[in-house]
Amino acid sequence: MDLRDYLRMARRNWIVITALALAGLLVGGTATALTAPTYTSQAELFVLIQNSGSVQELQQGNTFSQARVQSYVKTVSTPVVLQPAIDALGIDESSEALSHRVRATADLNTVIIKITASDKSPVQAAAIAQAVANSLITAIESLERPKTGGTSPVGLSIITPAQAPTMPSAPDTKKNLALGLVVGLLLGVAVSVTRSLLDNRIRGEADLRQVTEAPLLGGISFDPAAAKQPLLSQTGSQSPRAESFRQLRTNLQFTNVASRGKTVLVTSSLPGEGKSTTATNLAMAMAEAGQSVCLIDGDLRRPMVHEYLGLDRNVGLTTALIGNADVNDLLQPWGEDNLFILASGQIPPNPSELLGSGEMINLIQRLETVFDAVIIDAPPLLPVTDAAVLAPSVGGVILVVSAQKSTQQEVRKSMEALALVKANLLGVVLNRLPLRGPDAYGYSYYGSVEASSKSERKQPRVPSERVHAARQSRSPQHFPASHLDDMIQG
């Protein structure tokens, strides 16, 4: 993983990271509020060597005192110093217990000893620090007194008496909050990395590239209203979703499908990834561009095209394949463009055999002689073999991958299934991509959903009762009606 992968991971999981960081702040604040305040007081002593005052003696005394200071610091935590302080204060505490609340330090190359004492009471903290300082003066004088008698050559003097503090030394609110924030962020990052390593879903182009190098023909932006209004005619002409399918149409033209045929099969790995809406909207977008398009509902198990377009599916593809009707009589015109629909017909008991039959291949070839493009909505690849059986007979295959749902393993298996039958994979369409974020698929468009007025929204029409009239009304310049009759004669 490089830096871009980590940044993408952070953007994907920013909610988790933020939540855990705030939780860390909350824990730090709660710990601060529940901790009883502790006060610390400090007394400072100066170590002096008694001498006659000559320069040489002063230098020797200074060196001697610096060497002895560290020993005096260690002496503070012993019963020799602490027990007299306890007796003077009259507190019920052992010298060992008091040693945990008393600390002595001395800076390097100095003769100043600092004694700090902590307590829940600021007055008591100051009293303990002062009592320990006084006790240290007495103890050092006794320890340094010559055995032959006389006074001690070392003298300690208090230069800063202990005072009752006005603010507690603990808990440190800023430190606790900062610590909680850092721990929360680290935990959030750890959770995000773990989720990213365990999550093998396809979320965007970066994840897709870990599975295949197939061209990305387009990304369809997610629209919450698409569940009830899946068609381009039901949304604004300049909406992000409409622009997504126009871009898909444009990219598909550059794949040079005509070199191997005009038919494009649209499929997915599993049901529910949006292949039917992608096929339908792609056909509509191509028809809007002036092409004559035939959309075939080749999903003979769960046909959906007729529901989206409001057409009758009782007669259609299966009717033509078993020879019960002429395909010219089964094509249903839709909308104002040269778009014709061949519905699925009755659901057969043997869809794979019908789609892989010679009649299906002949039907595709005959439609290619009449239409500029033929779009087939095929069943998903992994549950059934229908799409794999039909794939070698078409000009190319488009694999629809649902972002946030499809896994890398599913897409990999679909690629292997297409490669096994030597299908011409034109590319991949990422469906339901977010409009913003690290996995958004960027493209340029003018306007927005809000900019498109409601009056521009077309509603699907049901032309079943006017099929013959609509077929005759097609302009001969764009779609010669005689070609349909030629299809019957082969």
Protein backbone atom coordinates (compact mmCIF):
# COMPACT_ATOMS: atom_id res chain seq x y z
CA MET A 1 0.00 0.00 0.00
CA ASP A 2 1.30 3.45 -0.92
CA LEU A 3 0.41 6.84 0.51
CA ARG A 4 -2.59 7.23 -1.79
CA ASP A 5 -4.06 3.96 -0.54
CA TYR A 6 -3.73 5.09 3.07
CA LEU A 7 -5.32 8.45 2.26
CA ARG A 8 -8.17 6.71 0.45
CA MET A 9 -8.59 4.38 3.41
CA ALA A 10 -8.73 7.35 5.79
CA ARG A 11 -11.35 9.10 3.66
CA ARG A 12 -13.45 5.94 3.50
CA ASN A 13 -13.31 5.45 7.26
CA TRP A 14 -13.28 9.06 8.40
CA ILE A 15 -16.47 8.54 10.42
CA VAL A 16 -14.88 5.68 12.39
CA ILE A 17 -11.66 7.62 12.93
CA THR A 18 -13.52 10.74 14.04
CA ALA A 19 -15.84 8.78 16.33
CA LEU A 20 -12.97 7.01 18.08
CA ALA A 21 -11.00 10.27 18.39
CA LEU A 22 -14.01 11.92 20.04
CA ALA A 23 -14.42 8.85 22.24
CA GLY A 24 -10.78 9.22 23.31
CA LEU A 25 -11.42 12.86 24.18
CA LEU A 26 -14.47 11.82 26.19
CA VAL A 27 -12.51 9.17 28.07
CA GLY A 28 -9.74 11.66 28.83
CA GLY A 29 -12.23 14.23 30.06
CA THR A 30 -14.10 11.67 32.15
CA ALA A 31 -10.87 10.42 33.72
CA THR A 32 -9.94 13.99 34.57
CA ALA A 33 -13.33 14.68 36.14
CA LEU A 34 -13.30 11.48 38.22
CA THR A 35 -9.72 11.91 39.50
CA ALA A 36 -9.35 13.65 42.84
CA PRO A 37 -7.09 16.75 42.60
CA THR A 38 -3.58 16.51 43.99
CA TYR A 39 -1.55 19.53 45.16
CA THR A 40 2.24 19.80 45.10
CA SER A 41 4.41 22.15 47.16
CA GLN A 42 8.16 22.72 46.90
CA ALA A 43 10.95 23.90 49.19
CA GLU A 44 14.51 24.72 48.08
CA LEU A 45 17.70 24.33 50.12
CA PHE A 46 21.21 25.62 49.55
CA VAL A 47 24.24 23.50 50.49
CA LEU A 48 27.12 25.52 51.97
CA ILE A 49 30.61 24.39 53.06
CA GLN A 50 32.00 26.14 56.15
CA ASN A 51 35.48 27.60 55.44
CA SER A 52 37.72 30.57 56.12
CA GLY A 53 36.73 32.24 52.90
CA SER A 54 39.98 32.09 50.87
CA VAL A 55 39.65 31.61 47.11
CA GLN A 56 41.25 28.20 47.18
CA GLU A 57 39.01 27.03 50.01
CA LEU A 58 35.94 28.39 48.24
CA GLN A 59 36.80 26.40 45.12
CA GLN A 60 37.45 23.25 47.09
CA GLY A 61 34.27 23.74 49.10
CA ASN A 62 32.17 24.24 45.98
CA THR A 63 33.54 21.04 44.42
CA PHE A 64 32.98 19.15 47.65
CA SER A 65 29.40 20.37 48.07
CA GLN A 66 28.46 19.47 44.47
CA ALA A 67 29.80 15.98 45.03
CA ARG A 68 27.79 15.63 48.25
CA VAL A 69 24.50 17.02 46.94
CA GLN A 70 23.44 13.79 45.20
CA SER A 71 24.02 11.89 48.43
CA TYR A 72 21.81 14.33 50.28
CA VAL A 73 19.11 13.89 47.64
CA LYS A 74 19.13 10.12 48.25
CA THR A 75 18.98 10.72 52.01
CA VAL A 76 15.61 12.51 51.74
CA SER A 77 13.71 9.25 51.11
CA THR A 78 15.21 7.48 54.16
CA PRO A 79 13.61 7.15 57.61
CA VAL A 80 16.42 9.30 59.03
CA VAL A 81 14.78 12.31 57.35
CA LEU A 82 11.15 11.27 57.00
CA GLN A 83 10.43 9.92 60.47
CA PRO A 84 11.30 13.19 62.29
CA ALA A 85 9.07 15.01 59.76
CA ILE A 86 6.21 12.60 60.51
CA ASP A 87 6.65 13.11 64.23
CA ALA A 88 6.73 16.89 63.81
CA LEU A 89 3.52 16.89 61.77
CA GLY A 90 1.78 14.29 63.90
CA ILE A 91 0.44 12.36 60.91
CA ASP A 92 -0.46 8.70 61.06
CA GLU A 93 1.71 7.44 58.20
CA SER A 94 4.83 5.33 57.86
CA SER A 95 8.06 6.67 56.44
CA GLU A 96 7.81 4.20 53.57
CA ALA A 97 4.34 5.44 52.62
CA LEU A 98 5.42 9.06 52.89
CA SER A 99 8.44 8.42 50.65
CA HIS A 100 6.05 7.85 47.73
CA ARG A 101 4.71 11.41 48.11
CA VAL A 102 8.05 13.13 48.70
CA ARG A 103 10.70 13.63 46.04
CA ALA A 104 14.09 15.37 46.09
CA THR A 105 16.02 16.55 43.05
CA ALA A 106 19.11 18.61 42.29
CA ASP A 107 20.18 20.15 39.00
CA LEU A 108 23.58 19.21 37.61
CA ASN A 109 26.54 21.35 38.78
CA THR A 110 24.43 23.14 41.39
CA VAL A 111 24.23 22.99 45.18
CA ILE A 112 20.47 23.55 45.36
CA ILE A 113 18.20 20.75 46.51
CA LYS A 114 14.49 20.85 45.66
CA ILE A 115 12.07 18.94 47.88
CA THR A 116 8.52 18.46 46.61
CA ALA A 117 5.63 16.91 48.49
CA SER A 118 2.14 16.06 47.21
CA ASP A 119 -1.13 15.75 49.09
CA LYS A 120 -4.85 16.11 48.52
CA SER A 121 -4.72 19.22 50.70
CA PRO A 122 -2.62 22.18 49.53
CA VAL A 123 -1.88 23.22 53.12
CA GLN A 124 -0.80 19.72 54.08
CA ALA A 125 1.44 19.47 50.99
CA ALA A 126 3.24 22.67 52.00
CA ALA A 127 3.56 21.47 55.59
CA ILE A 128 5.09 18.14 54.53
CA ALA A 129 7.61 19.80 52.17
CA GLN A 130 8.68 22.27 54.88
CA ALA A 131 8.93 19.59 57.57
CA VAL A 132 11.06 17.32 55.32
CA ALA A 133 13.34 20.25 54.47
CA ASN A 134 13.84 21.07 58.16
CA SER A 135 14.43 17.41 58.95
CA LEU A 136 17.03 17.15 56.16
CA ILE A 137 18.96 20.10 57.59
CA THR A 138 19.09 18.41 61.01
CA ALA A 139 19.96 14.98 59.59
CA ILE A 140 22.85 16.28 57.42
CA GLU A 141 24.25 18.31 60.30
CA SER A 142 24.26 15.19 62.44
CA LEU A 143 25.67 12.92 59.71
CA GLU A 144 28.44 15.34 58.68
CA ARG A 145 29.55 16.22 62.26
CA PRO A 146 33.15 15.05 62.85
CA LYS A 147 33.61 12.11 65.24
CA THR A 148 36.22 14.09 67.10
CA GLY A 149 33.58 16.64 67.93
CA GLY A 150 32.91 20.14 66.76
CA THR A 151 30.46 21.51 64.24
CA SER A 152 29.60 20.07 60.84
CA PRO A 153 31.57 21.53 57.90
CA VAL A 154 28.41 21.38 55.79
CA GLY A 155 25.42 23.59 56.31
CA LEU A 156 22.00 23.54 54.60
CA SER A 157 19.80 26.60 54.44
CA ILE A 158 16.23 27.00 53.18
CA ILE A 159 16.23 29.60 50.44
CA THR A 160 12.61 29.05 49.28
CA PRO A 161 10.10 28.03 51.93
CA ALA A 162 7.24 25.77 50.93
CA GLN A 163 3.93 27.51 50.22
CA ALA A 164 0.41 26.18 49.80
CA PRO A 165 -0.33 25.90 46.04
CA THR A 166 -3.41 27.57 44.61
CA MET A 167 -3.85 25.17 41.65
CA PRO A 168 -3.74 21.37 41.68
CA SER A 169 -0.82 19.68 39.96
CA ALA A 170 -2.91 16.68 38.97
CA PRO A 171 -4.91 15.70 37.07
CA ASP A 172 -3.49 17.54 34.06
CA THR A 173 -6.60 18.28 31.97
CA LYS A 174 -4.77 19.29 28.80
CA LYS A 175 -2.46 16.32 28.98
CA ASN A 176 -5.31 13.86 29.57
CA LEU A 177 -7.37 15.29 26.71
CA ALA A 178 -4.39 15.25 24.35
CA LEU A 179 -3.54 11.69 25.36
CA GLY A 180 -7.14 10.58 24.87
CA LEU A 181 -7.25 12.22 21.44
CA VAL A 182 -4.00 10.59 20.31
CA VAL A 183 -5.03 7.16 21.58
CA GLY A 184 -8.44 7.53 19.92
CA LEU A 185 -6.87 8.51 16.59
CA LEU A 186 -4.41 5.62 16.71
CA LEU A 187 -7.22 3.22 17.54
CA GLY A 188 -9.32 4.65 14.70
CA VAL A 189 -6.47 4.21 12.23
CA ALA A 190 -5.89 0.65 13.45
CA VAL A 191 -9.58 -0.20 13.03
CA SER A 192 -9.60 1.39 9.57
CA VAL A 193 -6.56 -0.58 8.43
CA THR A 194 -8.07 -3.80 9.77
CA ARG A 195 -11.38 -3.13 8.03
CA SER A 196 -9.64 -2.32 4.76
CA LEU A 197 -7.57 -5.49 4.89
CA LEU A 198 -10.58 -7.68 5.68
CA ASP A 199 -13.01 -5.91 3.32
CA ASN A 200 -12.60 -7.17 -0.26
CA ARG A 201 -15.56 -5.31 -1.74
CA ILE A 202 -15.14 -3.24 -4.89
CA ARG A 203 -15.64 0.36 -3.75
CA GLY A 204 -14.06 2.21 -6.63
CA GLU A 205 -11.66 2.10 -9.54
CA ALA A 206 -8.66 1.52 -7.27
CA ASP A 207 -10.20 -1.71 -5.93
CA LEU A 208 -11.22 -2.78 -9.43
CA ARG A 209 -7.63 -2.43 -10.63
CA GLN A 210 -6.58 -5.04 -8.07
CA VAL A 211 -8.71 -7.57 -9.96
CA THR A 212 -8.52 -6.65 -13.63
CA GLU A 213 -6.96 -4.21 -16.07
CA ALA A 214 -10.07 -4.23 -18.25
CA PRO A 215 -11.11 -0.75 -19.44
CA LEU A 216 -13.44 1.18 -17.17
CA LEU A 217 -16.12 2.30 -19.61
CA GLY A 218 -17.91 4.47 -17.08
CA GLY A 219 -19.14 4.99 -13.59
CA ILE A 220 -22.83 5.36 -12.81
CA SER A 221 -23.39 7.71 -9.91
CA PHE A 222 -25.70 6.61 -7.12
CA ASP A 223 -29.12 8.21 -7.08
CA PRO A 224 -31.49 7.38 -4.19
CA ALA A 225 -34.45 8.05 -6.48
CA ALA A 226 -33.24 5.50 -9.05
CA ALA A 227 -35.07 2.67 -7.28
CA LYS A 228 -38.42 4.26 -8.19
CA GLN A 229 -37.29 6.20 -11.25
CA PRO A 230 -34.57 4.10 -12.93
CA LEU A 231 -34.87 5.49 -16.48
CA LEU A 232 -33.11 8.45 -18.06
CA SER A 233 -36.50 9.76 -19.17
CA GLN A 234 -37.49 10.06 -15.53
CA THR A 235 -34.61 12.26 -14.45
CA GLY A 236 -33.23 15.64 -15.44
CA SER A 237 -31.40 15.79 -18.73
CA GLN A 238 -28.35 17.31 -17.04
CA SER A 239 -28.38 15.25 -13.88
CA PRO A 240 -25.20 13.36 -12.86
CA ARG A 241 -26.92 10.05 -13.55
CA ALA A 242 -27.88 11.08 -17.09
CA GLU A 243 -24.35 12.33 -17.75
CA SER A 244 -22.98 8.99 -16.55
CA PHE A 245 -24.83 7.08 -19.26
CA ARG A 246 -23.89 9.61 -21.93
CA GLN A 247 -20.27 9.13 -20.99
CA LEU A 248 -20.74 5.35 -21.12
CA ARG A 249 -22.24 5.70 -24.61
CA THR A 250 -19.30 7.83 -25.74
CA ASN A 251 -16.67 5.50 -24.29
CA LEU A 252 -18.39 2.51 -25.88
CA GLN A 253 -18.01 4.08 -29.31
CA PHE A 254 -14.23 4.13 -28.87
CA THR A 255 -14.13 0.38 -28.29
CA ASN A 256 -14.81 -0.10 -32.02
CA VAL A 257 -17.54 -2.67 -31.52
CA ALA A 258 -18.39 -2.65 -35.22
CA SER A 259 -15.22 -4.57 -35.99
CA ARG A 260 -16.70 -7.72 -34.48
CA GLY A 261 -20.40 -6.96 -34.50
CA LYS A 262 -22.94 -4.46 -33.34
CA THR A 263 -24.34 -6.49 -30.46
CA VAL A 264 -23.35 -5.71 -26.88
CA LEU A 265 -24.24 -8.06 -24.05
CA VAL A 266 -24.68 -6.49 -20.61
CA THR A 267 -24.27 -8.77 -17.61
CA SER A 268 -23.05 -8.81 -14.00
CA SER A 269 -21.63 -11.23 -11.48
CA LEU A 270 -24.74 -11.58 -9.32
CA PRO A 271 -28.34 -10.35 -9.39
CA GLY A 272 -29.14 -6.90 -8.08
CA GLU A 273 -26.09 -5.08 -9.44
CA GLY A 274 -28.05 -2.92 -11.88
CA LYS A 275 -27.34 -4.65 -15.20
CA SER A 276 -30.95 -4.31 -16.45
CA THR A 277 -31.15 -0.59 -15.74
CA THR A 278 -27.69 -0.12 -17.25
CA ALA A 279 -28.68 -1.95 -20.43
CA THR A 280 -31.97 -0.07 -20.71
CA ASN A 281 -30.49 3.37 -20.10
CA LEU A 282 -27.55 2.68 -22.41
CA ALA A 283 -29.99 1.77 -25.19
CA MET A 284 -31.96 4.95 -24.52
CA ALA A 285 -28.81 7.08 -24.53
CA MET A 286 -27.69 5.58 -27.85
CA ALA A 287 -31.13 6.15 -29.36
CA GLU A 288 -31.06 9.77 -28.19
CA ALA A 289 -27.81 10.18 -30.15
CA GLY A 290 -29.65 9.30 -33.38
CA GLN A 291 -28.82 5.60 -33.60
CA SER A 292 -31.38 2.91 -34.29
CA VAL A 293 -31.23 0.58 -31.31
CA CYS A 294 -32.81 -2.75 -30.46
CA LEU A 295 -32.93 -3.66 -26.77
CA ILE A 296 -33.39 -7.40 -26.10
CA ASP A 297 -34.43 -8.67 -22.70
CA GLY A 298 -32.26 -11.80 -22.68
CA ASP A 299 -32.73 -12.49 -18.99
CA LEU A 300 -35.10 -15.43 -19.39
CA ARG A 301 -35.14 -16.12 -15.66
CA ARG A 302 -35.90 -12.75 -14.07
CA PRO A 303 -36.83 -10.36 -16.90
CA MET A 304 -37.04 -6.70 -15.84
CA VAL A 305 -36.89 -4.57 -18.99
CA HIS A 306 -40.64 -4.74 -19.62
CA GLU A 307 -41.33 -3.49 -16.08
CA TYR A 308 -39.04 -0.49 -16.50
CA LEU A 309 -40.52 0.46 -19.87
CA GLY A 310 -44.13 -0.48 -19.16
CA LEU A 311 -44.37 -3.05 -21.95
CA ASP A 312 -46.01 -6.44 -22.38
CA ARG A 313 -43.59 -9.38 -22.03
CA ASN A 314 -45.98 -12.25 -22.81
CA VAL A 315 -44.59 -12.42 -26.33
CA GLY A 316 -41.01 -11.65 -27.22
CA LEU A 317 -37.62 -13.36 -27.51
CA THR A 318 -38.72 -16.86 -26.54
CA THR A 319 -41.70 -16.55 -28.88
CA ALA A 320 -39.36 -15.80 -31.79
CA LEU A 321 -36.83 -18.51 -30.87
CA ILE A 322 -39.41 -21.31 -30.84
CA GLY A 323 -40.90 -20.04 -34.11
CA ASN A 324 -44.36 -19.13 -32.84
CA ALA A 325 -44.21 -15.57 -34.16
CA ASP A 326 -42.31 -13.35 -36.52
CA VAL A 327 -39.71 -11.10 -34.87
CA ASN A 328 -41.06 -8.19 -36.94
CA ASP A 329 -44.34 -8.52 -35.09
CA LEU A 330 -42.62 -8.81 -31.68
CA LEU A 331 -40.53 -5.61 -31.73
CA GLN A 332 -42.17 -2.88 -29.67
CA PRO A 333 -41.22 0.75 -30.40
CA TRP A 334 -40.67 2.94 -27.36
CA GLY A 335 -40.36 6.67 -26.97
CA GLU A 336 -39.74 9.24 -29.65
CA ASP A 337 -36.37 7.88 -30.85
CA ASN A 338 -35.48 4.85 -32.94
CA LEU A 339 -35.59 2.49 -29.97
CA PHE A 340 -37.26 -0.91 -30.31
CA ILE A 341 -37.73 -3.43 -27.52
CA LEU A 342 -37.79 -7.19 -27.83
CA ALA A 343 -39.24 -8.38 -24.54
CA SER A 344 -38.33 -11.70 -22.96
CA GLY A 345 -41.55 -13.54 -23.71
CA GLN A 346 -42.69 -16.45 -21.60
CA ILE A 347 -40.07 -17.83 -19.21
CA PRO A 348 -38.90 -21.19 -20.62
CA PRO A 349 -37.70 -24.25 -18.69
CA ASN A 350 -34.41 -24.29 -20.65
CA PRO A 351 -33.08 -20.70 -20.95
CA SER A 352 -29.44 -21.73 -21.54
CA GLU A 353 -30.35 -23.99 -24.44
CA LEU A 354 -32.46 -21.30 -26.10
CA LEU A 355 -29.81 -18.57 -25.72
CA GLY A 356 -27.09 -20.86 -27.07
CA SER A 357 -29.13 -22.16 -29.97
CA GLY A 358 -28.54 -21.46 -33.64
CA GLU A 359 -31.85 -19.61 -33.79
CA MET A 360 -30.51 -17.08 -31.29
CA ILE A 361 -27.34 -16.54 -33.33
CA ASN A 362 -29.41 -16.08 -36.51
CA LEU A 363 -31.69 -13.64 -34.73
CA ILE A 364 -28.74 -11.51 -33.57
CA GLN A 365 -27.21 -11.48 -37.05
CA ARG A 366 -30.48 -10.44 -38.66
CA LEU A 367 -31.02 -7.64 -36.13
CA GLU A 368 -27.48 -6.37 -36.75
CA THR A 369 -28.31 -5.88 -40.43
CA VAL A 370 -31.16 -3.56 -39.52
CA PHE A 371 -30.13 -1.72 -36.37
CA ASP A 372 -27.08 0.39 -35.63
CA ALA A 373 -26.73 -1.29 -32.24
CA VAL A 374 -28.24 -4.27 -30.43
CA ILE A 375 -28.16 -4.32 -26.62
CA ILE A 376 -28.89 -7.58 -24.77
CA ASP A 377 -29.72 -7.66 -21.08
CA ALA A 378 -28.34 -11.05 -20.02
CA PRO A 379 -28.58 -13.00 -16.73
CA PRO A 380 -25.73 -12.73 -14.21
CA LEU A 381 -22.66 -14.87 -14.82
CA LEU A 382 -22.12 -16.71 -11.56
CA PRO A 383 -25.53 -18.20 -10.68
CA VAL A 384 -26.32 -19.50 -14.20
CA THR A 385 -24.47 -20.16 -17.47
CA ASP A 386 -26.84 -18.22 -19.76
CA ALA A 387 -24.59 -15.18 -20.22
CA ALA A 388 -21.47 -17.29 -20.72
CA VAL A 389 -23.25 -19.36 -23.37
CA LEU A 390 -24.40 -16.27 -25.25
CA ALA A 391 -21.22 -14.20 -24.83
CA PRO A 392 -19.17 -15.74 -27.71
CA SER A 393 -21.99 -14.96 -30.17
CA VAL A 394 -22.02 -11.19 -29.60
CA GLY A 395 -19.65 -8.39 -30.53
CA GLY A 396 -18.68 -7.62 -26.97
CA VAL A 397 -19.57 -7.92 -23.30
CA ILE A 398 -20.00 -5.23 -20.66
CA LEU A 399 -19.67 -6.34 -17.04
CA VAL A 400 -21.65 -4.26 -14.54
CA VAL A 401 -20.08 -4.14 -11.07
CA SER A 402 -22.03 -2.70 -8.15
CA ALA A 403 -19.82 -0.55 -5.94
CA GLN A 404 -20.00 -1.29 -2.21
CA LYS A 405 -21.61 -4.68 -2.97
CA SER A 406 -19.56 -6.75 -5.42
CA THR A 407 -16.48 -8.46 -4.02
CA GLN A 408 -13.12 -8.89 -5.71
CA GLN A 409 -13.56 -12.65 -5.69
CA GLU A 410 -16.91 -12.41 -7.50
CA VAL A 411 -15.54 -10.10 -10.18
CA ARG A 412 -12.47 -12.32 -10.61
CA LYS A 413 -14.67 -15.39 -11.12
CA SER A 414 -16.78 -13.52 -13.67
CA MET A 415 -13.67 -12.51 -15.59
CA GLU A 416 -12.51 -16.11 -15.60
CA ALA A 417 -15.89 -17.30 -16.87
CA LEU A 418 -15.78 -14.84 -19.77
CA ALA A 419 -12.17 -15.71 -20.57
CA LEU A 420 -13.03 -19.41 -20.58
CA VAL A 421 -15.52 -18.95 -23.44
CA LYS A 422 -13.19 -16.45 -25.19
CA ALA A 423 -15.70 -13.63 -24.91
CA ASN A 424 -14.74 -10.13 -26.03
CA LEU A 425 -14.83 -8.12 -22.82
CA LEU A 426 -15.27 -4.50 -23.81
CA GLY A 427 -14.92 -3.20 -20.30
CA VAL A 428 -16.47 -2.70 -16.90
CA VAL A 429 -19.15 -0.32 -15.68
CA LEU A 430 -19.03 0.62 -12.01
CA ASN A 431 -22.58 1.16 -10.81
CA ARG A 432 -23.87 3.04 -7.75
CA LEU A 433 -20.73 5.06 -7.19
CA PRO A 434 -20.91 7.90 -4.68
CA LEU A 435 -21.05 11.44 -6.03
CA ARG A 436 -18.34 12.55 -3.60
CA GLY A 437 -15.52 10.96 -1.70
CA PRO A 438 -12.47 8.88 -2.57
CA ASP A 439 -14.44 6.44 -4.73
CA ALA A 440 -16.39 8.99 -6.76
CA TYR A 441 -16.01 8.66 -10.52
CA GLY A 442 -15.30 12.12 -11.88
CA TYR A 443 -16.55 13.49 -15.15
CA SER A 444 -17.45 16.92 -16.46
CA TYR A 445 -21.01 18.05 -17.04
CA TYR A 446 -22.89 21.28 -17.17
CA GLY A 447 -25.70 21.99 -14.84
CA SER A 448 -27.08 19.89 -12.02
CA VAL A 449 -30.15 18.06 -10.91
CA GLU A 450 -31.58 21.25 -9.49
CA ALA A 451 -30.91 23.10 -12.72
CA SER A 452 -33.12 20.70 -14.68
CA SER A 453 -36.72 21.77 -14.45
CA LYS A 454 -39.45 19.28 -13.79
CA SER A 455 -40.99 20.10 -17.14
CA GLU A 456 -37.98 18.52 -18.84
CA ARG A 457 -38.60 15.14 -17.22
CA LYS A 458 -40.09 12.69 -19.70
CA GLN A 459 -42.41 9.96 -18.55
CA PRO A 460 -42.26 6.47 -20.09
CA ARG A 461 -44.98 5.71 -22.54
CA VAL A 462 -46.71 2.43 -23.17
CA PRO A 463 -47.07 2.20 -26.93
CA SER A 464 -48.33 -1.38 -27.05
CA GLU A 465 -51.70 -0.37 -28.49
CA ARG A 466 -49.98 1.75 -31.16
CA VAL A 467 -47.13 -0.59 -32.17
CA HIS A 468 -48.12 -0.76 -35.84
CA ALA A 469 -48.71 2.98 -36.13
CA ALA A 470 -45.43 3.78 -34.37
CA ARG A 471 -43.51 1.43 -36.68
CA GLN A 472 -44.98 3.09 -39.75
CA SER A 473 -44.26 6.58 -38.38
CA ARG A 474 -40.49 6.00 -38.21
CA SER A 475 -38.66 8.22 -40.64
CA PRO A 476 -37.32 6.20 -43.61
CA GLN A 477 -34.23 8.32 -43.48
CA HIS A 478 -33.32 6.88 -40.09
CA PHE A 479 -34.93 3.45 -40.02
CA PRO A 480 -36.26 1.97 -43.29
CA ALA A 481 -39.39 0.00 -42.56
CA SER A 482 -38.63 -2.39 -45.41
CA HIS A 483 -35.63 -3.72 -43.50
CA LEU A 484 -37.90 -5.21 -40.88
CA ASP A 485 -39.71 -7.18 -43.55
CA ASP A 486 -36.36 -8.27 -45.00
CA MET A 487 -35.50 -9.77 -41.61
CA ILE A 488 -38.34 -12.25 -41.99
CA GLN A 489 -36.98 -13.54 -45.22
CA GLY A 490 -33.45 -13.82 -43.84
